[in-house]
């Protein structure tokens, strides 16, 4: 039987760091207010010249190096993003050209903050089909482009960045199970309700969120989908070495871990210095803990995301 395993991880954060103090200089907020409600101290913001494909390129190159792979080894590229460079071509195709990975399949996945989990699940199934052997799966976002910088309820939450994994065919199990869910009836809780028509913006081009509703919904579905993924693999809570959640805010992270019954020392937390990077947050967090030597070969990971749509999902894997 063909399995898929994560062979390498990589990430990239733009050089510019925006601290909470910068917001307090022009908004009615403070470092203490932001930290207390979100756990965030700083976030990275992309330069005007950088698109999601540029961030994805750097993360992808790092993941390839970690996996000992070359661009020509890749036969599938999937980029999870809600902030593509263009309407089309896809960010994945732009990344393919920048990497020099000729002729492989390349496409984007749009599931907002669940995007990386969706993309990883899709790549796993492509590899298990036997038609692909080496996939580059990337989450890349420049959420700074869709924020109203005068709305303290949203602009302080998000940052830019990219994370990537190389997924390879293997005889040994790596990804054990994945569960993907969505419910469009809740789309109004978190959205960017605008589009371009005739060269004009129709609706709003800025992110809008009903924070208290998102919190309750997120904790509920993350608990449910995590248990589903574990059950599908014949595993239990005790079989989780690391809980790698979408880094939305520290309150959601803590509440979800408590509801699942996973101790705090097994919870991956990077939101304090990354902010919410949407589809990039899980692979960014994963790469940080791998490179720090905390996540090691053989560790069992429960990776979960929830985002606008609403979408949510979980992947249970052995690293």
C-alpha atoms as a PDB file:
ATOM      1  CA  UNK A   1       0.000   0.000   0.000  1.00  0.00           C
ATOM      2  CA  UNK A   2       1.247   3.506  -0.848  1.00  0.00           C
ATOM      3  CA  UNK A   3       1.396   6.039   1.959  1.00  0.00           C
ATOM      4  CA  UNK A   4       2.501   9.677   2.113  1.00  0.00           C
ATOM      5  CA  UNK A   5       4.910  11.182   4.633  1.00  0.00           C
ATOM      6  CA  UNK A   6       6.164  14.676   5.360  1.00  0.00           C
ATOM      7  CA  UNK A   7       9.781  14.653   4.208  1.00  0.00           C
ATOM      8  CA  UNK A   8      10.689  18.266   4.936  1.00  0.00           C
ATOM      9  CA  UNK A   9       9.290  21.555   6.215  1.00  0.00           C
ATOM     10  CA  UNK A  10      10.049  25.184   5.438  1.00  0.00           C
ATOM     11  CA  UNK A  11       8.775  28.678   6.184  1.00  0.00           C
ATOM     12  CA  UNK A  12       9.272  32.335   5.407  1.00  0.00           C
ATOM     13  CA  UNK A  13       8.330  35.533   7.230  1.00  0.00           C
ATOM     14  CA  UNK A  14       8.716  39.013   5.702  1.00  0.00           C
ATOM     15  CA  UNK A  15      11.415  41.084   7.434  1.00  0.00           C
ATOM     16  CA  UNK A  16       9.130  43.887   8.609  1.00  0.00           C
ATOM     17  CA  UNK A  17       7.794  43.342  12.132  1.00  0.00           C
ATOM     18  CA  UNK A  18       4.839  45.355  13.431  1.00  0.00           C
ATOM     19  CA  UNK A  19       4.498  45.426  17.220  1.00  0.00           C
ATOM     20  CA  UNK A  20       1.387  46.189  19.235  1.00  0.00           C
ATOM     21  CA  UNK A  21       2.889  49.515  20.243  1.00  0.00           C
ATOM     22  CA  UNK A  22       2.701  50.685  16.628  1.00  0.00           C
ATOM     23  CA  UNK A  23      -1.058  50.200  16.687  1.00  0.00           C
ATOM     24  CA  UNK A  24      -1.426  52.069  19.975  1.00  0.00           C
ATOM     25  CA  UNK A  25       0.169  55.130  18.369  1.00  0.00           C
ATOM     26  CA  UNK A  26      -2.770  55.606  15.996  1.00  0.00           C
ATOM     27  CA  UNK A  27      -5.669  53.485  17.318  1.00  0.00           C
ATOM     28  CA  UNK A  28      -7.557  53.372  20.598  1.00  0.00           C
ATOM     29  CA  UNK A  29      -5.773  50.252  21.797  1.00  0.00           C
ATOM     30  CA  UNK A  30      -2.686  49.169  23.725  1.00  0.00           C
ATOM     31  CA  UNK A  31      -0.143  46.389  23.893  1.00  0.00           C
ATOM     32  CA  UNK A  32      -1.820  45.074  27.056  1.00  0.00           C
ATOM     33  CA  UNK A  33      -5.309  45.146  25.465  1.00  0.00           C
ATOM     34  CA  UNK A  34      -4.156  43.169  22.407  1.00  0.00           C
ATOM     35  CA  UNK A  35      -2.112  40.645  24.386  1.00  0.00           C
ATOM     36  CA  UNK A  36      -4.915  39.997  26.872  1.00  0.00           C
ATOM     37  CA  UNK A  37      -7.527  39.300  24.191  1.00  0.00           C
ATOM     38  CA  UNK A  38      -5.422  37.567  21.551  1.00  0.00           C
ATOM     39  CA  UNK A  39      -2.029  36.581  22.937  1.00  0.00           C
ATOM     40  CA  UNK A  40      -0.393  38.420  20.018  1.00  0.00           C
ATOM     41  CA  UNK A  41       2.651  40.629  20.557  1.00  0.00           C
ATOM     42  CA  UNK A  42       3.830  41.124  16.979  1.00  0.00           C
ATOM     43  CA  UNK A  43       3.257  40.098  13.375  1.00  0.00           C
ATOM     44  CA  UNK A  44       5.196  40.238  10.081  1.00  0.00           C
ATOM     45  CA  UNK A  45       3.959  42.400   7.206  1.00  0.00           C
ATOM     46  CA  UNK A  46       4.983  41.894   3.581  1.00  0.00           C
ATOM     47  CA  UNK A  47       6.600  44.606   1.513  1.00  0.00           C
ATOM     48  CA  UNK A  48       4.489  46.115  -1.281  1.00  0.00           C
ATOM     49  CA  UNK A  49       6.650  44.267  -3.807  1.00  0.00           C
ATOM     50  CA  UNK A  50       5.945  40.843  -2.272  1.00  0.00           C
ATOM     51  CA  UNK A  51       3.018  38.673  -3.313  1.00  0.00           C
ATOM     52  CA  UNK A  52       1.917  35.333  -1.910  1.00  0.00           C
ATOM     53  CA  UNK A  53       3.926  33.525  -4.585  1.00  0.00           C
ATOM     54  CA  UNK A  54       7.115  35.275  -3.435  1.00  0.00           C
ATOM     55  CA  UNK A  55       6.565  34.200   0.157  1.00  0.00           C
ATOM     56  CA  UNK A  56       5.647  30.699  -1.029  1.00  0.00           C
ATOM     57  CA  UNK A  57       8.854  30.508  -3.059  1.00  0.00           C
ATOM     58  CA  UNK A  58      11.082  31.065  -0.032  1.00  0.00           C
ATOM     59  CA  UNK A  59       9.121  28.617   2.142  1.00  0.00           C
ATOM     60  CA  UNK A  60       9.090  26.060  -0.661  1.00  0.00           C
ATOM     61  CA  UNK A  61      12.847  26.276  -1.222  1.00  0.00           C
ATOM     62  CA  UNK A  62      13.449  25.747   2.502  1.00  0.00           C
ATOM     63  CA  UNK A  63      11.157  22.704   2.555  1.00  0.00           C
ATOM     64  CA  UNK A  64      12.864  21.214  -0.507  1.00  0.00           C
ATOM     65  CA  UNK A  65      16.274  21.670   1.091  1.00  0.00           C
ATOM     66  CA  UNK A  66      15.073  20.021   4.314  1.00  0.00           C
ATOM     67  CA  UNK A  67      13.698  17.081   2.309  1.00  0.00           C
ATOM     68  CA  UNK A  68      16.815  16.725   0.183  1.00  0.00           C
ATOM     69  CA  UNK A  69      14.662  17.242  -2.904  1.00  0.00           C
ATOM     70  CA  UNK A  70      15.097  19.256  -6.097  1.00  0.00           C
ATOM     71  CA  UNK A  71      12.470  21.343  -7.910  1.00  0.00           C
ATOM     72  CA  UNK A  72      12.447  18.797 -10.742  1.00  0.00           C
ATOM     73  CA  UNK A  73      11.454  16.065  -8.252  1.00  0.00           C
ATOM     74  CA  UNK A  74       8.100  17.752  -7.626  1.00  0.00           C
ATOM     75  CA  UNK A  75       5.168  16.375  -9.594  1.00  0.00           C
ATOM     76  CA  UNK A  76       2.406  18.234  -7.722  1.00  0.00           C
ATOM     77  CA  UNK A  77       2.158  21.747  -6.264  1.00  0.00           C
ATOM     78  CA  UNK A  78      -0.800  22.843  -4.165  1.00  0.00           C
ATOM     79  CA  UNK A  79      -0.918  26.340  -2.691  1.00  0.00           C
ATOM     80  CA  UNK A  80      -3.500  27.190  -0.038  1.00  0.00           C
ATOM     81  CA  UNK A  81      -4.204  30.933  -0.094  1.00  0.00           C
ATOM     82  CA  UNK A  82      -7.015  33.450   0.216  1.00  0.00           C
ATOM     83  CA  UNK A  83      -4.766  36.258  -1.007  1.00  0.00           C
ATOM     84  CA  UNK A  84      -3.505  35.136  -4.433  1.00  0.00           C
ATOM     85  CA  UNK A  85      -1.231  37.333  -6.516  1.00  0.00           C
ATOM     86  CA  UNK A  86      -3.881  37.580  -9.243  1.00  0.00           C
ATOM     87  CA  UNK A  87      -7.379  36.392 -10.061  1.00  0.00           C
ATOM     88  CA  UNK A  88      -5.502  34.082 -12.421  1.00  0.00           C
ATOM     89  CA  UNK A  89      -3.095  32.476 -13.126  1.00  0.00           C
ATOM     90  CA  UNK A  90      -3.046  30.607  -9.850  1.00  0.00           C
ATOM     91  CA  UNK A  91      -0.420  31.313  -7.230  1.00  0.00           C
ATOM     92  CA  UNK A  92       0.643  27.670  -7.598  1.00  0.00           C
ATOM     93  CA  UNK A  93       1.444  28.193 -11.280  1.00  0.00           C
ATOM     94  CA  UNK A  94       3.422  31.336 -10.481  1.00  0.00           C
ATOM     95  CA  UNK A  95       5.306  29.384  -7.811  1.00  0.00           C
ATOM     96  CA  UNK A  96       5.962  26.555 -10.255  1.00  0.00           C
ATOM     97  CA  UNK A  97       7.586  28.962 -12.719  1.00  0.00           C
ATOM     98  CA  UNK A  98       9.715  30.597 -10.013  1.00  0.00           C
ATOM     99  CA  UNK A  99      10.891  27.220  -8.730  1.00  0.00           C
ATOM    100  CA  UNK A 100      11.519  25.781 -12.181  1.00  0.00           C
ATOM    101  CA  UNK A 101       9.351  22.696 -11.593  1.00  0.00           C
ATOM    102  CA  UNK A 102       8.304  22.033 -15.167  1.00  0.00           C
ATOM    103  CA  UNK A 103       5.146  20.199 -16.270  1.00  0.00           C
ATOM    104  CA  UNK A 104       3.903  19.135 -12.832  1.00  0.00           C
ATOM    105  CA  UNK A 105       0.277  19.680 -11.809  1.00  0.00           C
ATOM    106  CA  UNK A 106      -0.241  22.965  -9.961  1.00  0.00           C
ATOM    107  CA  UNK A 107      -3.356  24.558  -8.471  1.00  0.00           C
ATOM    108  CA  UNK A 108      -4.642  26.674  -5.590  1.00  0.00           C
ATOM    109  CA  UNK A 109      -7.003  25.723  -2.763  1.00  0.00           C
ATOM    110  CA  UNK A 110      -9.205  28.389  -1.185  1.00  0.00           C
ATOM    111  CA  UNK A 111     -10.458  27.340   2.240  1.00  0.00           C
ATOM    112  CA  UNK A 112      -9.140  30.384   4.140  1.00  0.00           C
ATOM    113  CA  UNK A 113      -7.598  29.392   7.491  1.00  0.00           C
ATOM    114  CA  UNK A 114      -8.350  25.686   6.891  1.00  0.00           C
ATOM    115  CA  UNK A 115      -6.572  25.867   3.555  1.00  0.00           C
ATOM    116  CA  UNK A 116      -3.379  24.059   4.514  1.00  0.00           C
ATOM    117  CA  UNK A 117      -5.282  21.158   6.084  1.00  0.00           C
ATOM    118  CA  UNK A 118      -7.424  20.913   2.939  1.00  0.00           C
ATOM    119  CA  UNK A 119      -4.354  21.061   0.681  1.00  0.00           C
ATOM    120  CA  UNK A 120      -2.444  18.467   2.710  1.00  0.00           C
ATOM    121  CA  UNK A 121      -5.412  16.098   2.634  1.00  0.00           C
ATOM    122  CA  UNK A 122      -5.752  16.501  -1.146  1.00  0.00           C
ATOM    123  CA  UNK A 123      -2.031  15.919  -1.737  1.00  0.00           C
ATOM    124  CA  UNK A 124      -2.142  12.814   0.454  1.00  0.00           C
ATOM    125  CA  UNK A 125      -4.918  11.352  -1.682  1.00  0.00           C
ATOM    126  CA  UNK A 126      -3.101  12.196  -4.926  1.00  0.00           C
ATOM    127  CA  UNK A 127      -0.001  10.365  -3.682  1.00  0.00           C
ATOM    128  CA  UNK A 128      -1.994   7.385  -2.399  1.00  0.00           C
ATOM    129  CA  UNK A 129      -3.552   7.087  -5.867  1.00  0.00           C
ATOM    130  CA  UNK A 130      -0.110   6.191  -7.196  1.00  0.00           C
ATOM    131  CA  UNK A 131      -0.121   8.927  -9.830  1.00  0.00           C
ATOM    132  CA  UNK A 132       2.121  11.318  -7.884  1.00  0.00           C
ATOM    133  CA  UNK A 133       5.213  10.718  -5.777  1.00  0.00           C
ATOM    134  CA  UNK A 134       6.407  14.103  -4.513  1.00  0.00           C
ATOM    135  CA  UNK A 135       4.156  17.044  -3.643  1.00  0.00           C
ATOM    136  CA  UNK A 136       4.965  20.545  -2.465  1.00  0.00           C
ATOM    137  CA  UNK A 137       2.140  21.792  -0.256  1.00  0.00           C
ATOM    138  CA  UNK A 138       2.236  25.470   0.714  1.00  0.00           C
ATOM    139  CA  UNK A 139       0.152  27.872   2.769  1.00  0.00           C
ATOM    140  CA  UNK A 140       0.917  31.487   1.832  1.00  0.00           C
ATOM    141  CA  UNK A 141      -0.873  34.698   2.734  1.00  0.00           C
ATOM    142  CA  UNK A 142      -0.574  38.490   2.553  1.00  0.00           C
ATOM    143  CA  UNK A 143      -3.609  39.242   4.700  1.00  0.00           C
ATOM    144  CA  UNK A 144      -2.285  42.770   5.273  1.00  0.00           C
ATOM    145  CA  UNK A 145      -3.750  43.611   1.830  1.00  0.00           C
ATOM    146  CA  UNK A 146      -7.351  42.892   2.892  1.00  0.00           C
ATOM    147  CA  UNK A 147      -7.380  44.579   6.303  1.00  0.00           C
ATOM    148  CA  UNK A 148      -9.038  47.824   7.322  1.00  0.00           C
ATOM    149  CA  UNK A 149      -6.141  49.330   9.275  1.00  0.00           C
ATOM    150  CA  UNK A 150      -8.559  51.559  11.196  1.00  0.00           C
ATOM    151  CA  UNK A 151     -10.558  48.611  12.576  1.00  0.00           C
ATOM    152  CA  UNK A 152      -8.833  47.619  15.807  1.00  0.00           C
ATOM    153  CA  UNK A 153     -11.027  44.514  16.093  1.00  0.00           C
ATOM    154  CA  UNK A 154      -9.424  42.904  13.035  1.00  0.00           C
ATOM    155  CA  UNK A 155      -6.231  44.647  11.934  1.00  0.00           C
ATOM    156  CA  UNK A 156      -4.299  43.719  15.091  1.00  0.00           C
ATOM    157  CA  UNK A 157      -4.964  40.009  14.581  1.00  0.00           C
ATOM    158  CA  UNK A 158      -3.362  39.165  11.259  1.00  0.00           C
ATOM    159  CA  UNK A 159       0.080  38.851   9.712  1.00  0.00           C
ATOM    160  CA  UNK A 160       1.756  37.687   6.512  1.00  0.00           C
ATOM    161  CA  UNK A 161       3.908  34.626   5.886  1.00  0.00           C
ATOM    162  CA  UNK A 162       4.244  31.233   4.230  1.00  0.00           C
ATOM    163  CA  UNK A 163       4.896  27.680   5.319  1.00  0.00           C
ATOM    164  CA  UNK A 164       5.485  24.561   3.244  1.00  0.00           C
ATOM    165  CA  UNK A 165       5.965  20.803   3.421  1.00  0.00           C
ATOM    166  CA  UNK A 166       7.296  18.266   0.948  1.00  0.00           C
ATOM    167  CA  UNK A 167       5.056  15.216   0.926  1.00  0.00           C
ATOM    168  CA  UNK A 168       6.564  12.015  -0.474  1.00  0.00           C
ATOM    169  CA  UNK A 169       5.296   8.543  -1.310  1.00  0.00           C
ATOM    170  CA  UNK A 170       6.406   6.048   1.323  1.00  0.00           C
ATOM    171  CA  UNK A 171       6.034   2.409   2.323  1.00  0.00           C
ATOM    172  CA  UNK A 172       5.558   3.474   5.942  1.00  0.00           C
ATOM    173  CA  UNK A 173       2.414   5.288   7.103  1.00  0.00           C
ATOM    174  CA  UNK A 174       2.759   9.047   7.572  1.00  0.00           C
ATOM    175  CA  UNK A 175      -0.631  10.664   7.160  1.00  0.00           C
ATOM    176  CA  UNK A 176      -3.053   8.301   8.871  1.00  0.00           C
ATOM    177  CA  UNK A 177      -6.339  10.128   8.401  1.00  0.00           C
ATOM    178  CA  UNK A 178      -7.937  13.395   7.373  1.00  0.00           C
ATOM    179  CA  UNK A 179     -11.408  14.838   7.810  1.00  0.00           C
ATOM    180  CA  UNK A 180     -12.672  17.914   5.935  1.00  0.00           C
ATOM    181  CA  UNK A 181     -15.907  19.774   6.669  1.00  0.00           C
ATOM    182  CA  UNK A 182     -17.701  22.972   5.581  1.00  0.00           C
ATOM    183  CA  UNK A 183     -20.957  24.803   6.235  1.00  0.00           C
ATOM    184  CA  UNK A 184     -21.659  27.834   4.043  1.00  0.00           C
ATOM    185  CA  UNK A 185     -24.617  28.892   6.191  1.00  0.00           C
ATOM    186  CA  UNK A 186     -22.108  30.541   8.560  1.00  0.00           C
ATOM    187  CA  UNK A 187     -20.285  32.553   5.914  1.00  0.00           C
ATOM    188  CA  UNK A 188     -21.407  35.868   7.392  1.00  0.00           C
ATOM    189  CA  UNK A 189     -19.334  35.391  10.549  1.00  0.00           C
ATOM    190  CA  UNK A 190     -16.041  35.819   8.719  1.00  0.00           C
ATOM    191  CA  UNK A 191     -15.730  37.111   5.168  1.00  0.00           C
ATOM    192  CA  UNK A 192     -14.396  39.627   2.690  1.00  0.00           C
ATOM    193  CA  UNK A 193     -17.744  40.365   0.998  1.00  0.00           C
ATOM    194  CA  UNK A 194     -16.490  42.063  -2.139  1.00  0.00           C
ATOM    195  CA  UNK A 195     -15.453  41.376  -5.712  1.00  0.00           C
ATOM    196  CA  UNK A 196     -14.267  43.162  -8.824  1.00  0.00           C
ATOM    197  CA  UNK A 197     -16.719  43.811 -11.644  1.00  0.00           C
ATOM    198  CA  UNK A 198     -16.122  46.079 -14.613  1.00  0.00           C
ATOM    199  CA  UNK A 199     -12.954  47.386 -13.033  1.00  0.00           C
ATOM    200  CA  UNK A 200     -14.755  48.471  -9.854  1.00  0.00           C
ATOM    201  CA  UNK A 201     -14.878  47.024  -6.337  1.00  0.00           C
ATOM    202  CA  UNK A 202     -18.382  45.742  -5.578  1.00  0.00           C
ATOM    203  CA  UNK A 203     -19.087  45.364  -1.868  1.00  0.00           C
ATOM    204  CA  UNK A 204     -16.293  45.571   0.714  1.00  0.00           C
ATOM    205  CA  UNK A 205     -12.659  44.615   0.017  1.00  0.00           C
ATOM    206  CA  UNK A 206     -11.894  44.368   3.747  1.00  0.00           C
ATOM    207  CA  UNK A 207     -12.071  41.444   6.146  1.00  0.00           C
ATOM    208  CA  UNK A 208     -15.134  41.451   8.395  1.00  0.00           C
ATOM    209  CA  UNK A 209     -15.573  39.260  11.464  1.00  0.00           C
ATOM    210  CA  UNK A 210     -18.051  38.657  14.291  1.00  0.00           C
ATOM    211  CA  UNK A 211     -15.421  37.681  16.826  1.00  0.00           C
ATOM    212  CA  UNK A 212     -17.506  36.186  19.643  1.00  0.00           C
ATOM    213  CA  UNK A 213     -19.432  33.961  17.244  1.00  0.00           C
ATOM    214  CA  UNK A 214     -16.253  32.813  15.531  1.00  0.00           C
ATOM    215  CA  UNK A 215     -14.722  31.858  18.880  1.00  0.00           C
ATOM    216  CA  UNK A 216     -17.621  29.652  19.964  1.00  0.00           C
ATOM    217  CA  UNK A 217     -17.984  28.017  16.552  1.00  0.00           C
ATOM    218  CA  UNK A 218     -14.236  27.402  16.164  1.00  0.00           C
ATOM    219  CA  UNK A 219     -13.771  25.659  19.517  1.00  0.00           C
ATOM    220  CA  UNK A 220     -16.823  23.465  18.945  1.00  0.00           C
ATOM    221  CA  UNK A 221     -15.888  22.223  15.465  1.00  0.00           C
ATOM    222  CA  UNK A 222     -12.166  21.855  16.211  1.00  0.00           C
ATOM    223  CA  UNK A 223     -13.021  19.541  19.099  1.00  0.00           C
ATOM    224  CA  UNK A 224     -15.395  17.515  16.934  1.00  0.00           C
ATOM    225  CA  UNK A 225     -13.188  17.206  13.841  1.00  0.00           C
ATOM    226  CA  UNK A 226     -10.094  16.376  15.884  1.00  0.00           C
ATOM    227  CA  UNK A 227     -11.884  13.470  17.507  1.00  0.00           C
ATOM    228  CA  UNK A 228     -13.190  12.368  14.096  1.00  0.00           C
ATOM    229  CA  UNK A 229      -9.700  12.279  12.608  1.00  0.00           C
ATOM    230  CA  UNK A 230      -8.326  10.322  15.548  1.00  0.00           C
ATOM    231  CA  UNK A 231     -11.195   7.824  15.419  1.00  0.00           C
ATOM    232  CA  UNK A 232     -10.694   7.346  11.677  1.00  0.00           C
ATOM    233  CA  UNK A 233      -7.088   6.337  12.401  1.00  0.00           C
ATOM    234  CA  UNK A 234      -8.034   4.091  15.306  1.00  0.00           C
ATOM    235  CA  UNK A 235      -6.244   6.461  17.673  1.00  0.00           C
ATOM    236  CA  UNK A 236      -7.165   8.360  20.818  1.00  0.00           C
ATOM    237  CA  UNK A 237      -6.235  11.570  22.610  1.00  0.00           C
ATOM    238  CA  UNK A 238      -3.333   9.797  24.302  1.00  0.00           C
ATOM    239  CA  UNK A 239      -1.832   9.095  20.869  1.00  0.00           C
ATOM    240  CA  UNK A 240      -1.214  12.818  20.199  1.00  0.00           C
ATOM    241  CA  UNK A 241       2.291  14.126  20.861  1.00  0.00           C
ATOM    242  CA  UNK A 242       1.617  17.606  19.431  1.00  0.00           C
ATOM    243  CA  UNK A 243      -1.572  19.544  18.751  1.00  0.00           C
ATOM    244  CA  UNK A 244      -0.847  21.890  15.835  1.00  0.00           C
ATOM    245  CA  UNK A 245      -3.853  24.196  15.564  1.00  0.00           C
ATOM    246  CA  UNK A 246      -4.472  27.114  13.246  1.00  0.00           C
ATOM    247  CA  UNK A 247      -2.948  30.017  15.131  1.00  0.00           C
ATOM    248  CA  UNK A 248      -5.969  32.337  15.327  1.00  0.00           C
ATOM    249  CA  UNK A 249      -5.629  33.607  18.881  1.00  0.00           C
ATOM    250  CA  UNK A 250      -4.381  32.109  22.114  1.00  0.00           C
ATOM    251  CA  UNK A 251      -7.850  31.856  23.636  1.00  0.00           C
ATOM    252  CA  UNK A 252      -9.061  29.550  20.872  1.00  0.00           C
ATOM    253  CA  UNK A 253      -5.869  27.487  21.163  1.00  0.00           C
ATOM    254  CA  UNK A 254      -6.195  27.058  24.932  1.00  0.00           C
ATOM    255  CA  UNK A 255      -9.943  26.383  24.872  1.00  0.00           C
ATOM    256  CA  UNK A 256      -9.641  23.774  22.121  1.00  0.00           C
ATOM    257  CA  UNK A 257      -6.794  21.946  23.863  1.00  0.00           C
ATOM    258  CA  UNK A 258      -8.795  21.889  27.124  1.00  0.00           C
ATOM    259  CA  UNK A 259     -11.917  20.578  25.380  1.00  0.00           C
ATOM    260  CA  UNK A 260      -9.943  17.827  23.657  1.00  0.00           C
ATOM    261  CA  UNK A 261      -8.184  16.956  26.924  1.00  0.00           C
ATOM    262  CA  UNK A 262      -4.700  17.624  25.538  1.00  0.00           C
ATOM    263  CA  UNK A 263      -2.247  19.098  28.104  1.00  0.00           C
ATOM    264  CA  UNK A 264      -0.760  22.561  27.489  1.00  0.00           C
ATOM    265  CA  UNK A 265       2.768  21.209  27.019  1.00  0.00           C
ATOM    266  CA  UNK A 266       1.588  19.393  23.861  1.00  0.00           C
ATOM    267  CA  UNK A 267       0.046  22.523  22.341  1.00  0.00           C
ATOM    268  CA  UNK A 268       2.056  24.300  19.635  1.00  0.00           C
ATOM    269  CA  UNK A 269       1.862  28.093  20.095  1.00  0.00           C
ATOM    270  CA  UNK A 270       3.386  30.621  17.683  1.00  0.00           C
ATOM    271  CA  UNK A 271       0.525  33.123  17.427  1.00  0.00           C
ATOM    272  CA  UNK A 272       2.297  35.459  19.862  1.00  0.00           C
ATOM    273  CA  UNK A 273       4.985  36.347  17.305  1.00  0.00           C
ATOM    274  CA  UNK A 274       3.292  35.432  14.004  1.00  0.00           C
ATOM    275  CA  UNK A 275      -0.262  36.674  14.500  1.00  0.00           C
ATOM    276  CA  UNK A 276      -2.993  34.956  12.501  1.00  0.00           C
ATOM    277  CA  UNK A 277      -1.457  34.070   9.128  1.00  0.00           C
ATOM    278  CA  UNK A 278      -4.512  32.142   7.897  1.00  0.00           C
ATOM    279  CA  UNK A 279      -3.540  29.221   5.619  1.00  0.00           C
ATOM    280  CA  UNK A 280       0.146  29.766   6.439  1.00  0.00           C
ATOM    281  CA  UNK A 281      -0.227  29.402  10.201  1.00  0.00           C
ATOM    282  CA  UNK A 282      -0.092  25.606  10.572  1.00  0.00           C
ATOM    283  CA  UNK A 283       2.943  25.008   8.328  1.00  0.00           C
ATOM    284  CA  UNK A 284       4.693  28.049   9.850  1.00  0.00           C
ATOM    285  CA  UNK A 285       4.143  26.665  13.347  1.00  0.00           C
ATOM    286  CA  UNK A 286       5.129  23.160  12.261  1.00  0.00           C
ATOM    287  CA  UNK A 287       8.404  24.316  10.718  1.00  0.00           C
ATOM    288  CA  UNK A 288       9.328  26.431  13.742  1.00  0.00           C
ATOM    289  CA  UNK A 289       8.903  23.505  16.142  1.00  0.00           C
ATOM    290  CA  UNK A 290      10.694  21.095  13.787  1.00  0.00           C
ATOM    291  CA  UNK A 291      13.703  23.383  13.385  1.00  0.00           C
ATOM    292  CA  UNK A 292      13.800  23.987  17.131  1.00  0.00           C
ATOM    293  CA  UNK A 293      14.103  20.216  17.629  1.00  0.00           C
ATOM    294  CA  UNK A 294      10.824  19.993  19.528  1.00  0.00           C
ATOM    295  CA  UNK A 295       8.869  18.038  16.911  1.00  0.00           C
ATOM    296  CA  UNK A 296      10.957  14.988  16.047  1.00  0.00           C
ATOM    297  CA  UNK A 297      10.725  12.019  13.693  1.00  0.00           C
ATOM    298  CA  UNK A 298       8.124   9.573  14.980  1.00  0.00           C
ATOM    299  CA  UNK A 299       6.064  12.181  16.827  1.00  0.00           C
ATOM    300  CA  UNK A 300       2.322  12.012  16.206  1.00  0.00           C
ATOM    301  CA  UNK A 301       0.665  15.261  15.139  1.00  0.00           C
ATOM    302  CA  UNK A 302      -2.949  16.370  15.146  1.00  0.00           C
ATOM    303  CA  UNK A 303      -3.161  19.346  12.770  1.00  0.00           C
ATOM    304  CA  UNK A 304      -6.443  21.292  12.719  1.00  0.00           C
ATOM    305  CA  UNK A 305      -7.766  24.420  11.043  1.00  0.00           C
ATOM    306  CA  UNK A 306     -10.986  26.403  10.935  1.00  0.00           C
ATOM    307  CA  UNK A 307     -11.713  29.408   8.742  1.00  0.00           C
ATOM    308  CA  UNK A 308     -14.198  31.480   6.822  1.00  0.00           C
ATOM    309  CA  UNK A 309     -16.629  29.635   4.652  1.00  0.00           C
ATOM    310  CA  UNK A 310     -17.066  28.186   7.173  1.00  0.00           C
ATOM    311  CA  UNK A 311     -14.509  25.436   6.620  1.00  0.00           C
ATOM    312  CA  UNK A 312     -12.707  23.194   9.063  1.00  0.00           C
ATOM    313  CA  UNK A 313     -10.659  20.013   9.047  1.00  0.00           C
ATOM    314  CA  UNK A 314      -8.035  17.857  10.719  1.00  0.00           C
ATOM    315  CA  UNK A 315      -5.112  15.658   9.700  1.00  0.00           C
ATOM    316  CA  UNK A 316      -3.578  13.038  11.999  1.00  0.00           C
ATOM    317  CA  UNK A 317      -0.030  12.116  10.989  1.00  0.00           C
ATOM    318  CA  UNK A 318       3.244  10.629  12.153  1.00  0.00           C
ATOM    319  CA  UNK A 319       6.093  13.005  11.419  1.00  0.00           C
END
